[in-house]
C-alpha atoms as a PDB file:
ATOM      1  CA  MET A   1      -0.106   0.014   0.082  1.00  0.00           C
ATOM      2  CA  ASN A   2       1.179   3.461  -0.616  1.00  0.00           C
ATOM      3  CA  TYR A   3       0.169   6.343   1.653  1.00  0.00           C
ATOM      4  CA  THR A   4      -0.154  10.003   1.048  1.00  0.00           C
ATOM      5  CA  TYR A   5      -0.236  12.520   4.215  1.00  0.00           C
ATOM      6  CA  ILE A   6      -0.355  15.993   5.654  1.00  0.00           C
ATOM      7  CA  LEU A   7       1.383  16.511   8.755  1.00  0.00           C
ATOM      8  CA  ARG A   8       0.676  19.169  11.001  1.00  0.00           C
ATOM      9  CA  CYS A   9       4.034  21.038  12.006  1.00  0.00           C
ATOM     10  CA  GLY A  10       5.169  22.249  15.130  1.00  0.00           C
ATOM     11  CA  ASP A  11       4.749  26.221  14.260  1.00  0.00           C
ATOM     12  CA  GLY A  12       1.840  25.404  12.668  1.00  0.00           C
ATOM     13  CA  SER A  13       2.557  24.823   9.022  1.00  0.00           C
ATOM     14  CA  LEU A  14       1.556  22.033   6.863  1.00  0.00           C
ATOM     15  CA  TYR A  15       3.710  19.252   5.167  1.00  0.00           C
ATOM     16  CA  THR A  16       2.627  16.893   2.025  1.00  0.00           C
ATOM     17  CA  GLY A  17       4.482  13.958   1.211  1.00  0.00           C
ATOM     18  CA  TRP A  18       3.582  10.367  -0.322  1.00  0.00           C
ATOM     19  CA  THR A  19       5.404   7.095   1.197  1.00  0.00           C
ATOM     20  CA  ASN A  20       4.776   3.459   1.265  1.00  0.00           C
ATOM     21  CA  ASP A  21       4.914   2.751   5.133  1.00  0.00           C
ATOM     22  CA  LEU A  22       3.360   5.106   6.884  1.00  0.00           C
ATOM     23  CA  GLU A  23       4.232   4.306  10.328  1.00  0.00           C
ATOM     24  CA  LYS A  24       7.772   4.434   9.412  1.00  0.00           C
ATOM     25  CA  ARG A  25       7.642   7.522   8.018  1.00  0.00           C
ATOM     26  CA  ILE A  26       5.965   9.335  10.419  1.00  0.00           C
ATOM     27  CA  ARG A  27       8.494   7.987  12.798  1.00  0.00           C
ATOM     28  CA  ALA A  28      11.361   9.332  11.221  1.00  0.00           C
ATOM     29  CA  HIS A  29       9.777  12.553  10.957  1.00  0.00           C
ATOM     30  CA  SER A  30       9.021  12.401  14.610  1.00  0.00           C
ATOM     31  CA  GLU A  31      13.101  11.520  15.262  1.00  0.00           C
ATOM     32  CA  GLY A  32      14.513  14.807  12.531  1.00  0.00           C
ATOM     33  CA  ARG A  33      14.993  12.261   9.945  1.00  0.00           C
ATOM     34  CA  GLY A  34      12.126  12.401   7.165  1.00  0.00           C
ATOM     35  CA  GLY A  35      12.923  16.305   6.005  1.00  0.00           C
ATOM     36  CA  LYS A  36      14.682  19.053   5.621  1.00  0.00           C
ATOM     37  CA  TYR A  37      11.314  20.989   6.138  1.00  0.00           C
ATOM     38  CA  THR A  38       9.753  19.024   8.827  1.00  0.00           C
ATOM     39  CA  ARG A  39      13.159  18.712  10.995  1.00  0.00           C
ATOM     40  CA  SER A  40      13.146  22.628  12.224  1.00  0.00           C
ATOM     41  CA  ARG A  41       9.514  22.556  12.689  1.00  0.00           C
ATOM     42  CA  LEU A  42       9.113  19.439  15.376  1.00  0.00           C
ATOM     43  CA  PRO A  43       6.691  18.220  16.878  1.00  0.00           C
ATOM     44  CA  ILE A  44       4.717  16.724  14.106  1.00  0.00           C
ATOM     45  CA  LYS A  45       1.343  15.224  14.048  1.00  0.00           C
ATOM     46  CA  LEU A  46      -0.408  13.062  11.318  1.00  0.00           C
ATOM     47  CA  ALA A  47      -3.554  15.014  10.541  1.00  0.00           C
ATOM     48  CA  TYR A  48      -4.371  13.084   7.129  1.00  0.00           C
ATOM     49  CA  TYR A  49      -3.863  10.536   4.766  1.00  0.00           C
ATOM     50  CA  GLU A  50      -5.140   8.296   1.690  1.00  0.00           C
ATOM     51  CA  GLU A  51      -4.622   4.989   0.677  1.00  0.00           C
ATOM     52  CA  TYR A  52      -3.569   3.993  -2.699  1.00  0.00           C
ATOM     53  CA  GLU A  53      -2.644   0.872  -4.878  1.00  0.00           C
ATOM     54  CA  THR A  54       0.420   2.630  -6.790  1.00  0.00           C
ATOM     55  CA  LYS A  55       3.303   4.228  -5.590  1.00  0.00           C
ATOM     56  CA  GLU A  56       2.556   6.536  -9.019  1.00  0.00           C
ATOM     57  CA  GLU A  57      -1.117   7.427  -8.411  1.00  0.00           C
ATOM     58  CA  ALA A  58       0.385   8.731  -4.387  1.00  0.00           C
ATOM     59  CA  MET A  59       2.353  10.754  -6.064  1.00  0.00           C
ATOM     60  CA  ARG A  60       0.054  12.360  -8.260  1.00  0.00           C
ATOM     61  CA  ARG A  61      -1.833  13.157  -5.466  1.00  0.00           C
ATOM     62  CA  GLU A  62       0.928  14.431  -3.360  1.00  0.00           C
ATOM     63  CA  TRP A  63       1.070  17.202  -6.548  1.00  0.00           C
ATOM     64  CA  GLU A  64      -2.638  17.655  -6.167  1.00  0.00           C
ATOM     65  CA  ILE A  65      -2.927  18.461  -2.572  1.00  0.00           C
ATOM     66  CA  LYS A  66       0.554  20.367  -3.075  1.00  0.00           C
ATOM     67  CA  GLN A  67      -1.214  22.594  -5.295  1.00  0.00           C
ATOM     68  CA  LEU A  68      -4.143  23.217  -2.696  1.00  0.00           C
ATOM     69  CA  THR A  69      -3.951  26.799  -0.765  1.00  0.00           C
ATOM     70  CA  ARG A  70      -4.098  26.555   3.242  1.00  0.00           C
ATOM     71  CA  ALA A  71      -7.597  26.499   3.429  1.00  0.00           C
ATOM     72  CA  GLN A  72      -8.244  23.676   1.117  1.00  0.00           C
ATOM     73  CA  LYS A  73      -5.913  21.702   2.729  1.00  0.00           C
ATOM     74  CA  GLU A  74      -7.720  22.200   6.103  1.00  0.00           C
ATOM     75  CA  GLU A  75     -10.581  21.863   4.840  1.00  0.00           C
ATOM     76  CA  LEU A  76      -9.540  18.446   3.144  1.00  0.00           C
ATOM     77  CA  ILE A  77      -8.254  17.510   6.947  1.00  0.00           C
ATOM     78  CA  GLU A  78     -11.473  18.803   8.280  1.00  0.00           C
ATOM     79  CA  ARG A  79     -13.926  16.196   6.203  1.00  0.00           C
ATOM     80  CA  ASN A  80     -11.904  13.518   7.239  1.00  0.00           C
END
């Protein structure tokens, strides 16, 4: 399974990514190993995720979410 996810960072910002192991990726972000952006914005919290069969679908959805405004991302999170 592949996942597209949104994290809420310690500074209130939102981070969107994709992975094939959500639990491992969240743990890496939490430990400061997940990415340059989140490393300086700890702590992080998983705010939203979607599941996909293929890596390509998850990556496509990541791109789509990154094109949304912050308000649209917040709405997506709230609807779930």
